[in-house]
Amino acid sequence: MTVANKSACEVACFVEPKCVSYNFHHETLTCQLSDTSNQTNYDALKDATGWIYRAIEDTCVGNSCPLWTFCHVGYGGITEHRCAICSQRNFVAHFSSSLHLSALKYHTVNLTDAITAAAWIKTMPSDKSRLQTIFHLSPANGHSDGFVVGFTSSVTTAMNGKWSNLVSVDLRDGRWHHVAVTWTIAAGNYKLYVDGAISDEGIYSGQPLMDAYLMVGQEQDSYGGGFDSTQAFLGSTVGANIWSRVLSESEIALLASSWCVLLEGDAVKWVDLYPTDEASQGDIKIECPRKCE
């Protein structure tokens, strides 16, 4: 924003609950507000000609908030803070960087004709990881592999027990990617979308996924469990949704355009996977993003 002077920039930071530091350019009178500071992100602070940097005391540092809330500075005064409720719809789940046995769970899912599974993911390779699992739908009819979407050096899927590497590109690059798989179960037509564009397609016929147990972040060796830490997802995910139909190319392109798209699964919504207590959270860290507020 453009302000009259440095003091006006400082006041603007005080009245913005998320602001913990600001930059002011004395010639252009430009004021930049930031939700991070050198208290928590020291390496990001760089010299820039003409700019003045000031940090406001971040009262959230060293003050913990209850589960499923996050800290806002500036409420009740300059040195005060409050614990605000996390928006469940757009929470980000951070899976441990070490091998773990935690998952986001939903039971039960019934898919008779078709499925679309989509999510935003960010991950890196690990020497000890054999498969980083995003989705695993394990039906109660004995097909333990059911429907799996995960990552090795390529996108890996299983559809009723048939495993395949769908695309050779390695998405484990530490960047955000949108991944979606559509599948007409009986006819077997599938398509893989990466960042909104078709990357692979083919035919795998299968059986309906009835009374299925959904795990996000783990591959099930038995119905609802049997986790192997070397098959755990390592990284961050948001917006994991499942539909009982094949989404169109335009719908998937829309989903890949932003976290904030108001298009949620009719079989499983991302909010359905929100952990309800510390026991169900396990090693998964829940973050309340500010991108969609």
Protein backbone atom coordinates (compact mmCIF):
# COMPACT_ATOMS: atom_id res chain seq x y z
CA MET A 1 0.00 0.00 0.00
CA THR A 2 1.00 3.66 -0.31
CA VAL A 3 1.08 5.61 2.95
CA ALA A 4 1.97 9.14 4.06
CA ASN A 5 5.00 8.21 6.13
CA LYS A 6 6.76 5.46 8.06
CA SER A 7 4.54 5.95 11.12
CA ALA A 8 1.44 5.28 9.02
CA CYS A 9 3.00 2.03 7.81
CA GLU A 10 3.70 1.00 11.40
CA VAL A 11 0.10 1.74 12.43
CA ALA A 12 -1.18 -0.30 9.47
CA CYS A 13 0.84 -3.24 10.75
CA PHE A 14 -0.50 -2.85 14.29
CA VAL A 15 -4.14 -2.95 13.16
CA GLU A 16 -3.66 -5.95 10.86
CA PRO A 17 -3.91 -9.10 13.06
CA LYS A 18 -1.58 -11.15 10.85
CA CYS A 19 1.16 -8.50 10.55
CA VAL A 20 4.35 -9.09 12.53
CA SER A 21 6.76 -6.99 10.43
CA TYR A 22 6.77 -4.34 7.73
CA ASN A 23 8.95 -2.81 5.02
CA PHE A 24 8.81 0.90 4.22
CA HIS A 25 10.38 2.65 1.23
CA HIS A 26 11.00 6.30 2.12
CA GLU A 27 11.05 7.58 -1.49
CA THR A 28 8.03 5.81 -2.98
CA LEU A 29 6.16 5.74 0.39
CA THR A 30 5.44 2.06 -0.24
CA CYS A 31 4.39 0.01 2.79
CA GLN A 32 4.58 -3.80 2.75
CA LEU A 33 3.00 -5.84 5.55
CA SER A 34 4.25 -9.33 6.31
CA ASP A 35 2.94 -12.26 8.34
CA THR A 36 6.48 -13.47 9.07
CA SER A 37 9.53 -11.83 10.62
CA ASN A 38 13.19 -12.38 11.41
CA GLN A 39 12.08 -13.88 14.73
CA THR A 40 10.85 -16.98 12.95
CA ASN A 41 12.37 -16.67 9.47
CA TYR A 42 15.75 -15.02 9.94
CA ASP A 43 17.36 -16.31 6.74
CA ALA A 44 14.69 -14.62 4.61
CA LEU A 45 15.74 -11.12 5.75
CA LYS A 46 17.83 -9.43 3.03
CA ASP A 47 19.23 -5.93 2.55
CA ALA A 48 17.47 -3.79 -0.08
CA THR A 49 18.43 -0.24 -1.02
CA GLY A 50 15.93 2.39 0.11
CA TRP A 51 13.90 0.07 2.35
CA ILE A 52 13.47 0.18 6.13
CA TYR A 53 12.52 -3.05 7.90
CA ARG A 54 10.86 -3.19 11.31
CA ALA A 55 9.58 -6.21 13.21
CA ILE A 56 6.64 -5.97 15.58
CA GLU A 57 6.96 -8.19 18.63
CA ASP A 58 5.44 -11.49 17.57
CA THR A 59 3.53 -12.46 20.70
CA CYS A 60 2.65 -15.80 19.12
CA VAL A 61 6.27 -16.91 19.44
CA GLY A 62 6.50 -18.98 22.60
CA ASN A 63 2.70 -18.96 23.16
CA SER A 64 0.91 -22.14 22.20
CA CYS A 65 -2.75 -22.32 21.19
CA PRO A 66 -5.15 -25.24 21.72
CA LEU A 67 -5.53 -27.97 19.11
CA TRP A 68 -7.26 -26.86 15.88
CA THR A 69 -6.63 -23.17 16.54
CA PHE A 70 -3.92 -20.81 15.36
CA CYS A 71 -2.38 -17.66 16.78
CA HIS A 72 -3.24 -14.12 15.64
CA VAL A 73 -1.16 -11.21 16.92
CA GLY A 74 -2.42 -7.73 17.77
CA TYR A 75 -5.76 -8.52 19.42
CA GLY A 76 -6.33 -6.50 22.60
CA GLY A 77 -3.19 -4.42 22.08
CA ILE A 78 0.23 -4.42 20.49
CA THR A 79 1.57 -7.09 22.85
CA GLU A 80 -1.53 -9.28 22.83
CA HIS A 81 -2.63 -12.26 20.74
CA ARG A 82 -5.63 -14.53 20.37
CA CYS A 83 -6.22 -18.15 19.40
CA ALA A 84 -8.50 -18.30 16.37
CA ILE A 85 -10.38 -21.35 15.12
CA CYS A 86 -8.83 -23.01 12.08
CA SER A 87 -10.87 -23.08 8.88
CA GLN A 88 -11.45 -26.79 8.45
CA ARG A 89 -12.29 -26.54 4.79
CA ASN A 90 -8.80 -25.49 3.67
CA PHE A 91 -6.55 -26.95 6.34
CA VAL A 92 -3.14 -28.22 5.24
CA ALA A 93 -1.91 -31.57 6.55
CA HIS A 94 1.85 -31.91 6.99
CA PHE A 95 2.95 -35.54 7.21
CA SER A 96 6.14 -36.17 9.16
CA SER A 97 9.40 -35.88 7.25
CA SER A 98 10.46 -39.12 8.92
CA LEU A 99 8.76 -42.44 8.27
CA HIS A 100 5.51 -42.61 10.23
CA LEU A 101 2.35 -44.67 10.77
CA SER A 102 -0.26 -41.88 10.72
CA ALA A 103 -3.08 -41.31 8.23
CA LEU A 104 -6.21 -39.26 7.66
CA LYS A 105 -9.13 -41.71 7.69
CA TYR A 106 -12.69 -41.90 6.40
CA HIS A 107 -15.11 -44.85 6.59
CA THR A 108 -17.17 -45.85 4.69
CA VAL A 109 -17.06 -45.08 0.97
CA ASN A 110 -19.22 -46.74 -1.70
CA LEU A 111 -18.31 -46.29 -5.36
CA THR A 112 -20.16 -48.41 -7.88
CA ASP A 113 -19.64 -46.79 -11.27
CA ALA A 114 -16.83 -44.26 -11.28
CA ILE A 115 -14.31 -42.37 -9.18
CA THR A 116 -12.30 -39.19 -9.32
CA ALA A 117 -9.63 -38.72 -6.65
CA ALA A 118 -7.78 -35.40 -6.55
CA ALA A 119 -5.41 -33.59 -4.20
CA TRP A 120 -2.74 -30.93 -3.95
CA ILE A 121 0.57 -32.46 -2.81
CA LYS A 122 4.12 -31.41 -2.05
CA THR A 123 6.77 -34.03 -1.35
CA MET A 124 10.43 -34.97 -1.62
CA PRO A 125 12.11 -38.35 -2.22
CA SER A 126 13.32 -40.40 0.74
CA ASP A 127 15.95 -43.14 0.67
CA LYS A 128 13.89 -45.28 3.04
CA SER A 129 10.55 -44.85 1.28
CA ARG A 130 9.31 -47.51 -1.16
CA LEU A 131 6.01 -45.78 -1.99
CA GLN A 132 4.54 -42.46 -0.90
CA THR A 133 0.80 -43.14 -0.72
CA ILE A 134 -1.75 -40.35 -1.19
CA PHE A 135 -5.02 -42.28 -1.51
CA HIS A 136 -5.86 -45.85 -0.64
CA LEU A 137 -9.44 -47.08 -0.83
CA SER A 138 -9.57 -50.62 0.53
CA PRO A 139 -12.98 -52.28 -0.06
CA ALA A 140 -14.45 -54.89 2.26
CA ASN A 141 -14.87 -57.41 -0.57
CA GLY A 142 -11.36 -58.81 -0.33
CA HIS A 143 -9.59 -56.60 -2.91
CA SER A 144 -7.07 -55.23 -0.44
CA ASP A 145 -5.31 -53.12 -3.06
CA GLY A 146 -8.60 -51.58 -4.14
CA PHE A 147 -7.67 -48.15 -5.45
CA VAL A 148 -4.26 -46.63 -4.70
CA VAL A 149 -2.56 -43.45 -5.88
CA GLY A 150 1.02 -42.83 -4.78
CA PHE A 151 4.52 -41.83 -5.84
CA THR A 152 7.83 -43.46 -6.49
CA SER A 153 9.95 -41.93 -9.26
CA SER A 154 6.64 -41.85 -11.15
CA VAL A 155 2.95 -41.70 -10.30
CA THR A 156 2.00 -45.22 -9.20
CA THR A 157 -1.53 -46.63 -9.04
CA ALA A 158 -3.30 -49.86 -8.17
CA MET A 159 -6.80 -50.63 -9.40
CA ASN A 160 -8.25 -53.83 -7.95
CA GLY A 161 -4.80 -55.31 -7.50
CA LYS A 162 -3.18 -54.30 -10.80
CA TRP A 163 -0.22 -52.01 -10.13
CA SER A 164 1.17 -49.69 -12.75
CA ASN A 165 3.50 -46.71 -13.11
CA LEU A 166 1.37 -44.25 -15.04
CA VAL A 167 3.74 -41.44 -15.88
CA SER A 168 7.51 -41.16 -15.82
CA VAL A 169 7.75 -37.60 -14.46
CA ASP A 170 8.98 -37.44 -10.86
CA LEU A 171 6.76 -35.09 -8.83
CA ARG A 172 8.86 -35.44 -5.67
CA ASP A 173 10.53 -32.08 -6.19
CA GLY A 174 9.39 -30.17 -3.10
CA ARG A 175 6.91 -28.11 -5.12
CA TRP A 176 3.13 -28.03 -5.02
CA HIS A 177 1.42 -30.18 -7.68
CA HIS A 178 -2.20 -31.01 -8.32
CA VAL A 179 -2.83 -34.68 -9.07
CA ALA A 180 -6.12 -36.25 -10.13
CA VAL A 181 -7.11 -39.73 -11.32
CA THR A 182 -10.47 -40.55 -12.93
CA TRP A 183 -11.67 -44.12 -13.45
CA THR A 184 -14.85 -45.66 -14.85
CA ILE A 185 -14.78 -48.85 -12.80
CA ALA A 186 -16.56 -51.38 -15.04
CA ALA A 187 -15.40 -50.05 -18.42
CA GLY A 188 -11.97 -49.42 -16.93
CA ASN A 189 -11.15 -46.13 -18.59
CA TYR A 190 -8.74 -44.09 -16.50
CA LYS A 191 -7.01 -40.75 -16.90
CA LEU A 192 -4.21 -39.22 -14.87
CA TYR A 193 -4.02 -35.43 -14.61
CA VAL A 194 -0.94 -33.58 -13.35
CA ASP A 195 -1.30 -29.84 -12.72
CA GLY A 196 -4.57 -29.76 -14.65
CA ALA A 197 -3.39 -31.50 -17.84
CA ILE A 198 -3.79 -35.14 -18.94
CA SER A 199 -0.51 -36.99 -18.41
CA ASP A 200 -1.57 -40.59 -19.00
CA GLU A 201 -4.63 -42.70 -19.81
CA GLY A 202 -5.56 -46.32 -20.43
CA ILE A 203 -7.93 -49.13 -19.50
CA TYR A 204 -8.10 -51.16 -16.25
CA SER A 205 -11.45 -52.82 -15.62
CA GLY A 206 -12.37 -53.53 -12.02
CA GLN A 207 -15.01 -54.16 -9.37
CA PRO A 208 -17.12 -51.69 -7.38
CA LEU A 209 -15.48 -50.30 -4.25
CA MET A 210 -18.07 -51.12 -1.59
CA ASP A 211 -17.82 -50.41 2.14
CA ALA A 212 -14.35 -49.08 1.40
CA TYR A 213 -11.97 -47.70 4.00
CA LEU A 214 -10.17 -44.56 2.85
CA MET A 215 -6.68 -43.68 4.04
CA VAL A 216 -4.91 -40.52 2.97
CA GLY A 217 -1.18 -40.82 3.60
CA GLN A 218 -0.95 -44.60 4.09
CA GLU A 219 -1.24 -47.84 2.12
CA GLN A 220 -3.32 -50.52 3.84
CA ASP A 221 -2.03 -54.09 3.97
CA SER A 222 -5.24 -55.08 5.75
CA TYR A 223 -8.69 -53.51 5.84
CA GLY A 224 -8.41 -50.29 7.84
CA GLY A 225 -4.82 -50.87 8.95
CA GLY A 226 -1.67 -52.89 8.36
CA PHE A 227 0.45 -49.80 7.78
CA ASP A 228 4.06 -49.92 6.60
CA SER A 229 6.13 -46.82 7.35
CA THR A 230 8.04 -47.24 4.08
CA GLN A 231 4.75 -46.73 2.19
CA ALA A 232 3.77 -43.54 4.03
CA PHE A 233 3.35 -40.18 2.37
CA LEU A 234 6.04 -37.67 3.40
CA GLY A 235 5.16 -34.06 2.77
CA SER A 236 2.09 -31.82 2.68
CA THR A 237 -1.36 -32.14 1.17
CA VAL A 238 -4.53 -30.09 0.92
CA GLY A 239 -7.84 -30.42 -0.90
CA ALA A 240 -7.99 -34.23 -1.10
CA ASN A 241 -11.48 -35.01 -2.40
CA ILE A 242 -13.23 -38.01 -3.93
CA TRP A 243 -16.18 -37.96 -6.33
CA SER A 244 -18.47 -40.79 -7.43
CA ARG A 245 -18.29 -39.59 -11.02
CA VAL A 246 -15.70 -38.71 -13.64
CA LEU A 247 -14.93 -35.02 -13.46
CA SER A 248 -14.56 -33.22 -16.78
CA GLU A 249 -11.26 -31.87 -18.04
CA SER A 250 -12.46 -28.34 -17.37
CA GLU A 251 -13.45 -29.19 -13.79
CA ILE A 252 -10.04 -30.71 -13.09
CA ALA A 253 -8.29 -27.73 -14.69
CA LEU A 254 -10.33 -25.50 -12.37
CA LEU A 255 -9.32 -27.55 -9.32
CA ALA A 256 -5.68 -27.30 -10.37
CA SER A 257 -5.91 -23.52 -10.60
CA SER A 258 -6.23 -22.87 -6.85
CA TRP A 259 -6.73 -24.41 -3.41
CA CYS A 260 -9.74 -22.16 -3.00
CA VAL A 261 -12.04 -23.63 -5.68
CA LEU A 262 -15.50 -24.36 -4.25
CA LEU A 263 -15.75 -27.83 -5.79
CA GLU A 264 -15.84 -30.59 -3.19
CA GLY A 265 -16.17 -34.34 -3.49
CA ASP A 266 -19.62 -35.91 -3.23
CA ALA A 267 -18.16 -39.16 -1.84
CA VAL A 268 -15.51 -37.69 0.47
CA LYS A 269 -14.85 -34.02 1.14
CA TRP A 270 -11.50 -32.74 2.41
CA VAL A 271 -13.25 -31.47 5.53
CA ASP A 272 -14.44 -35.05 6.21
CA LEU A 273 -10.80 -36.01 6.76
CA TYR A 274 -10.17 -33.33 9.38
CA PRO A 275 -8.84 -35.15 12.48
CA THR A 276 -11.15 -34.74 15.47
CA ASP A 277 -8.64 -35.20 18.28
CA GLU A 278 -4.95 -35.60 19.04
CA ALA A 279 -5.16 -39.39 18.84
CA SER A 280 -6.43 -39.29 15.26
CA GLN A 281 -3.89 -36.62 14.37
CA GLY A 282 -0.88 -38.76 15.26
CA ASP A 283 2.29 -37.44 13.62
CA ILE A 284 0.32 -35.21 11.23
CA LYS A 285 0.66 -31.48 11.80
CA ILE A 286 -2.42 -29.43 10.91
CA GLU A 287 -1.87 -25.89 9.62
CA CYS A 288 -4.48 -23.23 8.99
CA PRO A 289 -3.50 -21.60 5.68
CA ARG A 290 -4.22 -17.94 5.02
CA LYS A 291 -4.44 -18.31 1.26
CA CYS A 292 -8.24 -18.63 1.07
CA GLU A 293 -9.29 -16.30 3.87
